[in-house]
Amino acid sequence: MRFASDEWLAAVAAALAEVSLDSGASARIIFEIPGRSWHLAVDGGRVVSFAAGPLGSADCVLRWTADDAAAVWRRELRGNAALLATEVSADAAGGPYRGPPAPLDIRSRPELAALPVVPGATFDVQYAFRSGPFGDVDYVIDFRDGRVDSDRLERLDDPTVAVEVSYRAMARVRAGETTILEALEDGRVTGEVGALAMLAGISESPEFEAAQIATGRHAFALATLGELDATPEYAGVLADLAIRTSR
């Protein structure tokens, strides 16, 4: 069978019908490649639709080239590499957003320009987000004098601060539903004491919180996709189809 054909979609849908996630998990995602689209709908932790065509009231649209899409769904392209190959369209403050998926979407937020200058608050933070949409995500923010200087997907050998939480925890912090301290109850943070204090101050500042909330809520849908990706049933059927599917 061919990737993204009706036969392929039916095979994936049959396997997903047996998957159960946390009852709070939900997502409405459209996937697009040139000339073809399909969708995923999850409600109450159960997959209710995985089929060809569009989907009303979608949380986001994920787009790839045909080759990148095949590599992602064959699980050949994973983690950071898969995220970099993906473009998302979703609602955000000030209008629709189109660009790299969360967490990289924060780089476009004009609210970051309002962060105050804090001389000496220069350090890097390594975030490890478990169960991202295509596997774990390694994300770095560089702060210079208290302001965001750059961000990227990378794994540092010796970060000043290291934060490990789930991708869903990141989504909840971004949406203002929880604080970073509460999110760390299911994660961990390590680093130099001074840098940890500076990070806490920046993360809890009104300016940084405003930038996070302005990114919108598509990370919640991607968190559900990541939790689905982590189930043995989902991984198993995609591995089997990878053997039986042509691009």
C-alpha atoms as a PDB file:
ATOM      1  CA  MET A   1       0.000   0.000   0.000  1.00  0.00           C
ATOM      2  CA  ARG A   2       1.027   3.614  -0.417  1.00  0.00           C
ATOM      3  CA  PHE A   3       1.676   6.031   2.419  1.00  0.00           C
ATOM      4  CA  ALA A   4      -1.375   8.218   3.245  1.00  0.00           C
ATOM      5  CA  SER A   5      -3.635   6.163   0.950  1.00  0.00           C
ATOM      6  CA  ASP A   6      -7.152   5.250   2.084  1.00  0.00           C
ATOM      7  CA  GLU A   7      -5.902   1.723   2.808  1.00  0.00           C
ATOM      8  CA  TRP A   8      -3.047   3.070   4.951  1.00  0.00           C
ATOM      9  CA  LEU A   9      -5.374   5.421   6.851  1.00  0.00           C
ATOM     10  CA  ALA A  10      -7.830   2.583   7.515  1.00  0.00           C
ATOM     11  CA  ALA A  11      -5.044   0.370   8.885  1.00  0.00           C
ATOM     12  CA  VAL A  12      -3.836   3.087  11.256  1.00  0.00           C
ATOM     13  CA  ALA A  13      -7.401   3.933  12.323  1.00  0.00           C
ATOM     14  CA  ALA A  14      -8.131   0.299  13.168  1.00  0.00           C
ATOM     15  CA  ALA A  15      -5.119   0.131  15.459  1.00  0.00           C
ATOM     16  CA  LEU A  16      -5.827   3.495  17.083  1.00  0.00           C
ATOM     17  CA  ALA A  17      -9.354   2.390  18.005  1.00  0.00           C
ATOM     18  CA  GLU A  18      -7.793   0.172  20.683  1.00  0.00           C
ATOM     19  CA  VAL A  19      -5.643   2.901  22.231  1.00  0.00           C
ATOM     20  CA  SER A  20      -6.682   4.602  25.466  1.00  0.00           C
ATOM     21  CA  LEU A  21      -5.028   7.759  26.771  1.00  0.00           C
ATOM     22  CA  ASP A  22      -5.701   9.847  29.850  1.00  0.00           C
ATOM     23  CA  SER A  23      -9.376  10.844  29.850  1.00  0.00           C
ATOM     24  CA  GLY A  24      -8.410  14.513  29.611  1.00  0.00           C
ATOM     25  CA  ALA A  25      -6.478  14.063  26.372  1.00  0.00           C
ATOM     26  CA  SER A  26      -8.003  15.706  23.311  1.00  0.00           C
ATOM     27  CA  ALA A  27      -6.834  16.896  19.912  1.00  0.00           C
ATOM     28  CA  ARG A  28      -8.171  17.938  16.525  1.00  0.00           C
ATOM     29  CA  ILE A  29      -5.273  17.937  14.078  1.00  0.00           C
ATOM     30  CA  ILE A  30      -5.163  18.187  10.287  1.00  0.00           C
ATOM     31  CA  PHE A  31      -2.126  16.747   8.483  1.00  0.00           C
ATOM     32  CA  GLU A  32      -1.220  18.062   5.031  1.00  0.00           C
ATOM     33  CA  ILE A  33       1.202  17.110   2.292  1.00  0.00           C
ATOM     34  CA  PRO A  34       1.022  18.380  -1.298  1.00  0.00           C
ATOM     35  CA  GLY A  35      -2.201  17.038  -2.797  1.00  0.00           C
ATOM     36  CA  ARG A  36      -3.380  15.127   0.288  1.00  0.00           C
ATOM     37  CA  SER A  37      -4.788  15.782   3.760  1.00  0.00           C
ATOM     38  CA  TRP A  38      -6.048  13.674   6.631  1.00  0.00           C
ATOM     39  CA  HIS A  39      -6.983  14.276  10.238  1.00  0.00           C
ATOM     40  CA  LEU A  40      -6.903  12.974  13.785  1.00  0.00           C
ATOM     41  CA  ALA A  41      -9.589  13.633  16.388  1.00  0.00           C
ATOM     42  CA  VAL A  42      -9.138  12.528  20.005  1.00  0.00           C
ATOM     43  CA  ASP A  43     -11.812  13.116  22.630  1.00  0.00           C
ATOM     44  CA  GLY A  44     -11.850  11.889  26.219  1.00  0.00           C
ATOM     45  CA  GLY A  45      -8.630   9.976  25.662  1.00  0.00           C
ATOM     46  CA  ARG A  46     -10.016   7.926  22.747  1.00  0.00           C
ATOM     47  CA  VAL A  47      -9.372   8.285  19.025  1.00  0.00           C
ATOM     48  CA  VAL A  48     -12.745   9.085  17.460  1.00  0.00           C
ATOM     49  CA  SER A  49     -11.558   9.736  13.902  1.00  0.00           C
ATOM     50  CA  PHE A  50      -8.481   9.149  11.783  1.00  0.00           C
ATOM     51  CA  ALA A  51      -9.419   9.571   8.166  1.00  0.00           C
ATOM     52  CA  ALA A  52      -8.889  11.432   4.924  1.00  0.00           C
ATOM     53  CA  GLY A  53     -10.014  15.019   4.507  1.00  0.00           C
ATOM     54  CA  PRO A  54     -10.317  18.165   6.585  1.00  0.00           C
ATOM     55  CA  LEU A  55     -11.721  18.608  10.083  1.00  0.00           C
ATOM     56  CA  GLY A  56     -13.849  21.425  11.457  1.00  0.00           C
ATOM     57  CA  SER A  57     -12.613  23.490  14.403  1.00  0.00           C
ATOM     58  CA  ALA A  58      -9.111  22.036  14.189  1.00  0.00           C
ATOM     59  CA  ASP A  59      -6.593  22.942  16.887  1.00  0.00           C
ATOM     60  CA  CYS A  60      -3.842  23.123  14.287  1.00  0.00           C
ATOM     61  CA  VAL A  61      -2.668  22.043  10.853  1.00  0.00           C
ATOM     62  CA  LEU A  62       0.663  20.222  10.474  1.00  0.00           C
ATOM     63  CA  ARG A  63       2.368  20.411   7.072  1.00  0.00           C
ATOM     64  CA  TRP A  64       5.289  18.516   5.575  1.00  0.00           C
ATOM     65  CA  THR A  65       6.855  17.771   2.245  1.00  0.00           C
ATOM     66  CA  ALA A  66       5.755  14.359   0.991  1.00  0.00           C
ATOM     67  CA  ASP A  67       9.169  12.837   1.770  1.00  0.00           C
ATOM     68  CA  ASP A  68       9.379  14.318   5.272  1.00  0.00           C
ATOM     69  CA  ALA A  69       5.824  13.193   6.063  1.00  0.00           C
ATOM     70  CA  ALA A  70       6.610   9.637   5.016  1.00  0.00           C
ATOM     71  CA  ALA A  71       9.779   9.668   7.136  1.00  0.00           C
ATOM     72  CA  VAL A  72       7.888  11.008  10.178  1.00  0.00           C
ATOM     73  CA  TRP A  73       5.116   8.441   9.940  1.00  0.00           C
ATOM     74  CA  ARG A  74       7.581   5.632   9.252  1.00  0.00           C
ATOM     75  CA  ARG A  75       9.283   6.774  12.478  1.00  0.00           C
ATOM     76  CA  GLU A  76      12.535   7.347  10.633  1.00  0.00           C
ATOM     77  CA  LEU A  77      12.467  11.063  11.468  1.00  0.00           C
ATOM     78  CA  ARG A  78      12.103  11.573  15.207  1.00  0.00           C
ATOM     79  CA  GLY A  79      12.405  14.104  17.989  1.00  0.00           C
ATOM     80  CA  ASN A  80      14.072  17.387  17.120  1.00  0.00           C
ATOM     81  CA  ALA A  81      14.588  16.445  13.464  1.00  0.00           C
ATOM     82  CA  ALA A  82      10.886  15.691  12.981  1.00  0.00           C
ATOM     83  CA  LEU A  83       9.857  18.907  14.718  1.00  0.00           C
ATOM     84  CA  LEU A  84      12.186  20.942  12.487  1.00  0.00           C
ATOM     85  CA  ALA A  85      10.649  19.335   9.394  1.00  0.00           C
ATOM     86  CA  THR A  86       7.144  20.328  10.512  1.00  0.00           C
ATOM     87  CA  GLU A  87       5.240  23.553   9.915  1.00  0.00           C
ATOM     88  CA  VAL A  88       2.199  24.345  12.046  1.00  0.00           C
ATOM     89  CA  SER A  89      -0.714  26.688  11.475  1.00  0.00           C
ATOM     90  CA  ALA A  90      -2.752  27.611  14.539  1.00  0.00           C
ATOM     91  CA  ASP A  91      -4.500  30.451  16.318  1.00  0.00           C
ATOM     92  CA  ALA A  92      -2.359  32.810  18.392  1.00  0.00           C
ATOM     93  CA  ALA A  93      -2.685  36.254  19.905  1.00  0.00           C
ATOM     94  CA  GLY A  94      -2.866  38.911  17.228  1.00  0.00           C
ATOM     95  CA  GLY A  95      -3.881  36.515  14.463  1.00  0.00           C
ATOM     96  CA  PRO A  96      -3.023  33.138  12.919  1.00  0.00           C
ATOM     97  CA  TYR A  97       0.466  31.745  13.460  1.00  0.00           C
ATOM     98  CA  ARG A  98       2.341  29.769  10.815  1.00  0.00           C
ATOM     99  CA  GLY A  99       5.830  28.496  11.520  1.00  0.00           C
ATOM    100  CA  PRO A 100       7.724  25.978  13.663  1.00  0.00           C
ATOM    101  CA  PRO A 101       5.673  24.132  16.301  1.00  0.00           C
ATOM    102  CA  ALA A 102       5.921  24.778  20.030  1.00  0.00           C
ATOM    103  CA  PRO A 103       8.265  25.367  21.770  1.00  0.00           C
ATOM    104  CA  LEU A 104       9.907  27.225  18.870  1.00  0.00           C
ATOM    105  CA  ASP A 105       6.871  29.448  18.280  1.00  0.00           C
ATOM    106  CA  ILE A 106       7.756  31.739  21.184  1.00  0.00           C
ATOM    107  CA  ARG A 107      10.641  33.253  19.216  1.00  0.00           C
ATOM    108  CA  SER A 108       8.150  35.180  17.061  1.00  0.00           C
ATOM    109  CA  ARG A 109       6.310  36.852  19.942  1.00  0.00           C
ATOM    110  CA  PRO A 110       6.744  40.645  20.090  1.00  0.00           C
ATOM    111  CA  GLU A 111       5.951  40.536  23.819  1.00  0.00           C
ATOM    112  CA  LEU A 112       9.527  39.366  24.437  1.00  0.00           C
ATOM    113  CA  ALA A 113      10.781  42.807  23.447  1.00  0.00           C
ATOM    114  CA  ALA A 114       9.302  44.172  26.668  1.00  0.00           C
ATOM    115  CA  LEU A 115      11.524  42.033  28.897  1.00  0.00           C
ATOM    116  CA  PRO A 116      13.637  44.342  31.050  1.00  0.00           C
ATOM    117  CA  VAL A 117      17.398  44.385  30.737  1.00  0.00           C
ATOM    118  CA  VAL A 118      19.040  42.687  33.725  1.00  0.00           C
ATOM    119  CA  PRO A 119      22.820  43.147  33.479  1.00  0.00           C
ATOM    120  CA  GLY A 120      24.659  39.919  34.187  1.00  0.00           C
ATOM    121  CA  ALA A 121      21.636  37.641  33.707  1.00  0.00           C
ATOM    122  CA  THR A 122      23.366  35.772  30.891  1.00  0.00           C
ATOM    123  CA  PHE A 123      23.029  31.989  30.786  1.00  0.00           C
ATOM    124  CA  ASP A 124      21.581  29.111  28.780  1.00  0.00           C
ATOM    125  CA  VAL A 125      18.731  26.765  29.692  1.00  0.00           C
ATOM    126  CA  GLN A 126      18.384  23.236  28.388  1.00  0.00           C
ATOM    127  CA  TYR A 127      14.774  22.062  28.323  1.00  0.00           C
ATOM    128  CA  ALA A 128      14.050  18.363  27.848  1.00  0.00           C
ATOM    129  CA  PHE A 129      10.387  17.835  27.008  1.00  0.00           C
ATOM    130  CA  ARG A 130       9.279  14.216  27.349  1.00  0.00           C
ATOM    131  CA  SER A 131       6.653  12.756  24.999  1.00  0.00           C
ATOM    132  CA  GLY A 132       6.759  15.439  22.346  1.00  0.00           C
ATOM    133  CA  PRO A 133       4.647  14.961  19.204  1.00  0.00           C
ATOM    134  CA  PHE A 134       7.325  12.833  17.517  1.00  0.00           C
ATOM    135  CA  GLY A 135       9.391  11.798  20.530  1.00  0.00           C
ATOM    136  CA  ASP A 136      11.373  13.716  23.126  1.00  0.00           C
ATOM    137  CA  VAL A 137      12.347  17.316  22.369  1.00  0.00           C
ATOM    138  CA  ASP A 138      15.598  19.024  23.385  1.00  0.00           C
ATOM    139  CA  TYR A 139      15.213  22.804  23.368  1.00  0.00           C
ATOM    140  CA  VAL A 140      17.625  25.579  24.364  1.00  0.00           C
ATOM    141  CA  ILE A 141      16.992  29.230  25.236  1.00  0.00           C
ATOM    142  CA  ASP A 142      19.944  31.598  25.551  1.00  0.00           C
ATOM    143  CA  PHE A 143      19.361  34.592  27.820  1.00  0.00           C
ATOM    144  CA  ARG A 144      21.585  37.658  27.564  1.00  0.00           C
ATOM    145  CA  ASP A 145      21.218  40.328  30.249  1.00  0.00           C
ATOM    146  CA  GLY A 146      17.792  39.014  31.155  1.00  0.00           C
ATOM    147  CA  ARG A 147      16.364  38.906  27.642  1.00  0.00           C
ATOM    148  CA  VAL A 148      15.889  36.074  25.143  1.00  0.00           C
ATOM    149  CA  ASP A 149      18.876  36.193  22.812  1.00  0.00           C
ATOM    150  CA  SER A 150      18.199  33.011  20.815  1.00  0.00           C
ATOM    151  CA  ASP A 151      16.509  29.627  20.950  1.00  0.00           C
ATOM    152  CA  ARG A 152      17.023  26.383  19.075  1.00  0.00           C
ATOM    153  CA  LEU A 153      16.520  22.637  19.148  1.00  0.00           C
ATOM    154  CA  GLU A 154      19.749  21.192  20.493  1.00  0.00           C
ATOM    155  CA  ARG A 155      21.213  19.039  23.256  1.00  0.00           C
ATOM    156  CA  LEU A 156      23.937  20.836  25.222  1.00  0.00           C
ATOM    157  CA  ASP A 157      26.744  18.917  26.911  1.00  0.00           C
ATOM    158  CA  ASP A 158      27.035  21.274  29.880  1.00  0.00           C
ATOM    159  CA  PRO A 159      24.068  23.655  30.213  1.00  0.00           C
ATOM    160  CA  THR A 160      23.961  26.291  32.935  1.00  0.00           C
ATOM    161  CA  VAL A 161      20.443  25.174  33.839  1.00  0.00           C
ATOM    162  CA  ALA A 162      18.648  21.959  32.835  1.00  0.00           C
ATOM    163  CA  VAL A 163      14.869  21.552  33.064  1.00  0.00           C
ATOM    164  CA  GLU A 164      13.082  18.264  32.390  1.00  0.00           C
ATOM    165  CA  VAL A 165       9.276  18.116  32.179  1.00  0.00           C
ATOM    166  CA  SER A 166       6.693  16.562  29.886  1.00  0.00           C
ATOM    167  CA  TYR A 167       5.662  18.295  26.674  1.00  0.00           C
ATOM    168  CA  ARG A 168       2.148  18.600  28.118  1.00  0.00           C
ATOM    169  CA  ALA A 169       3.532  20.361  31.202  1.00  0.00           C
ATOM    170  CA  MET A 170       5.179  22.857  28.861  1.00  0.00           C
ATOM    171  CA  ALA A 171       1.816  23.390  27.140  1.00  0.00           C
ATOM    172  CA  ARG A 172       0.107  24.006  30.479  1.00  0.00           C
ATOM    173  CA  VAL A 173       2.756  26.524  31.544  1.00  0.00           C
ATOM    174  CA  ARG A 174       2.510  28.259  28.166  1.00  0.00           C
ATOM    175  CA  ALA A 175      -1.266  28.548  28.591  1.00  0.00           C
ATOM    176  CA  GLY A 176      -0.991  29.971  32.095  1.00  0.00           C
ATOM    177  CA  GLU A 177      -2.754  26.955  33.605  1.00  0.00           C
ATOM    178  CA  THR A 178       0.140  26.115  35.901  1.00  0.00           C
ATOM    179  CA  THR A 179       3.387  27.636  37.099  1.00  0.00           C
ATOM    180  CA  ILE A 180       6.805  26.304  36.220  1.00  0.00           C
ATOM    181  CA  LEU A 181       7.263  25.317  39.884  1.00  0.00           C
ATOM    182  CA  GLU A 182       4.061  23.257  39.783  1.00  0.00           C
ATOM    183  CA  ALA A 183       5.108  21.699  36.479  1.00  0.00           C
ATOM    184  CA  LEU A 184       8.381  20.593  38.056  1.00  0.00           C
ATOM    185  CA  GLU A 185       6.478  18.399  40.511  1.00  0.00           C
ATOM    186  CA  ASP A 186       6.572  15.818  37.704  1.00  0.00           C
ATOM    187  CA  GLY A 187      10.011  16.824  36.471  1.00  0.00           C
ATOM    188  CA  ARG A 188      13.332  18.124  37.672  1.00  0.00           C
ATOM    189  CA  VAL A 189      15.626  21.112  37.432  1.00  0.00           C
ATOM    190  CA  THR A 190      19.358  21.331  38.022  1.00  0.00           C
ATOM    191  CA  GLY A 191      21.922  24.078  37.654  1.00  0.00           C
ATOM    192  CA  GLU A 192      23.870  26.876  39.249  1.00  0.00           C
ATOM    193  CA  VAL A 193      22.011  28.552  42.113  1.00  0.00           C
ATOM    194  CA  GLY A 194      22.401  32.059  40.719  1.00  0.00           C
ATOM    195  CA  ALA A 195      21.192  31.066  37.253  1.00  0.00           C
ATOM    196  CA  LEU A 196      18.241  29.188  38.744  1.00  0.00           C
ATOM    197  CA  ALA A 197      17.180  32.316  40.618  1.00  0.00           C
ATOM    198  CA  MET A 198      17.534  34.450  37.493  1.00  0.00           C
ATOM    199  CA  LEU A 199      15.522  31.958  35.436  1.00  0.00           C
ATOM    200  CA  ALA A 200      12.760  31.931  38.041  1.00  0.00           C
ATOM    201  CA  GLY A 201      12.600  35.706  37.961  1.00  0.00           C
ATOM    202  CA  ILE A 202      12.419  35.862  34.158  1.00  0.00           C
ATOM    203  CA  SER A 203       9.948  32.963  33.822  1.00  0.00           C
ATOM    204  CA  GLU A 204       7.559  34.517  36.338  1.00  0.00           C
ATOM    205  CA  SER A 205       7.818  38.037  34.944  1.00  0.00           C
ATOM    206  CA  PRO A 206       4.624  39.505  33.406  1.00  0.00           C
ATOM    207  CA  GLU A 207       6.453  40.091  30.110  1.00  0.00           C
ATOM    208  CA  PHE A 208       7.610  36.497  29.671  1.00  0.00           C
ATOM    209  CA  GLU A 209       4.266  35.104  30.799  1.00  0.00           C
ATOM    210  CA  ALA A 210       2.504  37.362  28.285  1.00  0.00           C
ATOM    211  CA  ALA A 211       4.715  36.031  25.471  1.00  0.00           C
ATOM    212  CA  GLN A 212       3.998  32.429  26.475  1.00  0.00           C
ATOM    213  CA  ILE A 213       0.222  32.864  26.649  1.00  0.00           C
ATOM    214  CA  ALA A 214       0.230  34.738  23.325  1.00  0.00           C
ATOM    215  CA  THR A 215       1.556  31.633  21.541  1.00  0.00           C
ATOM    216  CA  GLY A 216      -1.883  30.030  21.794  1.00  0.00           C
ATOM    217  CA  ARG A 217      -2.876  26.465  22.642  1.00  0.00           C
ATOM    218  CA  HIS A 218      -1.745  24.236  19.769  1.00  0.00           C
ATOM    219  CA  ALA A 219       0.840  22.644  22.083  1.00  0.00           C
ATOM    220  CA  PHE A 220      -2.015  20.841  23.889  1.00  0.00           C
ATOM    221  CA  ALA A 221      -3.013  19.037  20.694  1.00  0.00           C
ATOM    222  CA  LEU A 222       0.629  18.189  19.984  1.00  0.00           C
ATOM    223  CA  ALA A 223       0.975  16.859  23.543  1.00  0.00           C
ATOM    224  CA  THR A 224      -1.894  14.448  22.866  1.00  0.00           C
ATOM    225  CA  LEU A 225      -0.205  13.405  19.617  1.00  0.00           C
ATOM    226  CA  GLY A 226       2.976  12.808  21.620  1.00  0.00           C
ATOM    227  CA  GLU A 227       1.195  10.678  24.187  1.00  0.00           C
ATOM    228  CA  LEU A 228      -0.348   8.681  21.363  1.00  0.00           C
ATOM    229  CA  ASP A 229       3.093   8.349  19.787  1.00  0.00           C
ATOM    230  CA  ALA A 230       4.420   6.864  23.037  1.00  0.00           C
ATOM    231  CA  THR A 231       1.880   4.019  23.188  1.00  0.00           C
ATOM    232  CA  PRO A 232       3.108   0.556  22.131  1.00  0.00           C
ATOM    233  CA  GLU A 233       0.010   0.036  19.960  1.00  0.00           C
ATOM    234  CA  TYR A 234       0.649   3.152  17.889  1.00  0.00           C
ATOM    235  CA  ALA A 235       4.378   2.523  17.581  1.00  0.00           C
ATOM    236  CA  GLY A 236       3.735  -1.105  16.659  1.00  0.00           C
ATOM    237  CA  VAL A 237       1.256  -0.462  13.862  1.00  0.00           C
ATOM    238  CA  LEU A 238       3.429   2.270  12.315  1.00  0.00           C
ATOM    239  CA  ALA A 239       6.472  -0.014  12.460  1.00  0.00           C
ATOM    240  CA  ASP A 240       4.470  -2.763  10.738  1.00  0.00           C
ATOM    241  CA  LEU A 241       3.102  -0.408   8.096  1.00  0.00           C
ATOM    242  CA  ALA A 242       6.575   0.991   7.445  1.00  0.00           C
ATOM    243  CA  ILE A 243       7.572  -2.450   6.193  1.00  0.00           C
ATOM    244  CA  ARG A 244       4.466  -2.850   4.034  1.00  0.00           C
ATOM    245  CA  THR A 245       4.136   0.715   2.703  1.00  0.00           C
ATOM    246  CA  SER A 246       5.758   2.443  -0.220  1.00  0.00           C
ATOM    247  CA  ARG A 247       6.262   6.169  -0.309  1.00  0.00           C
END
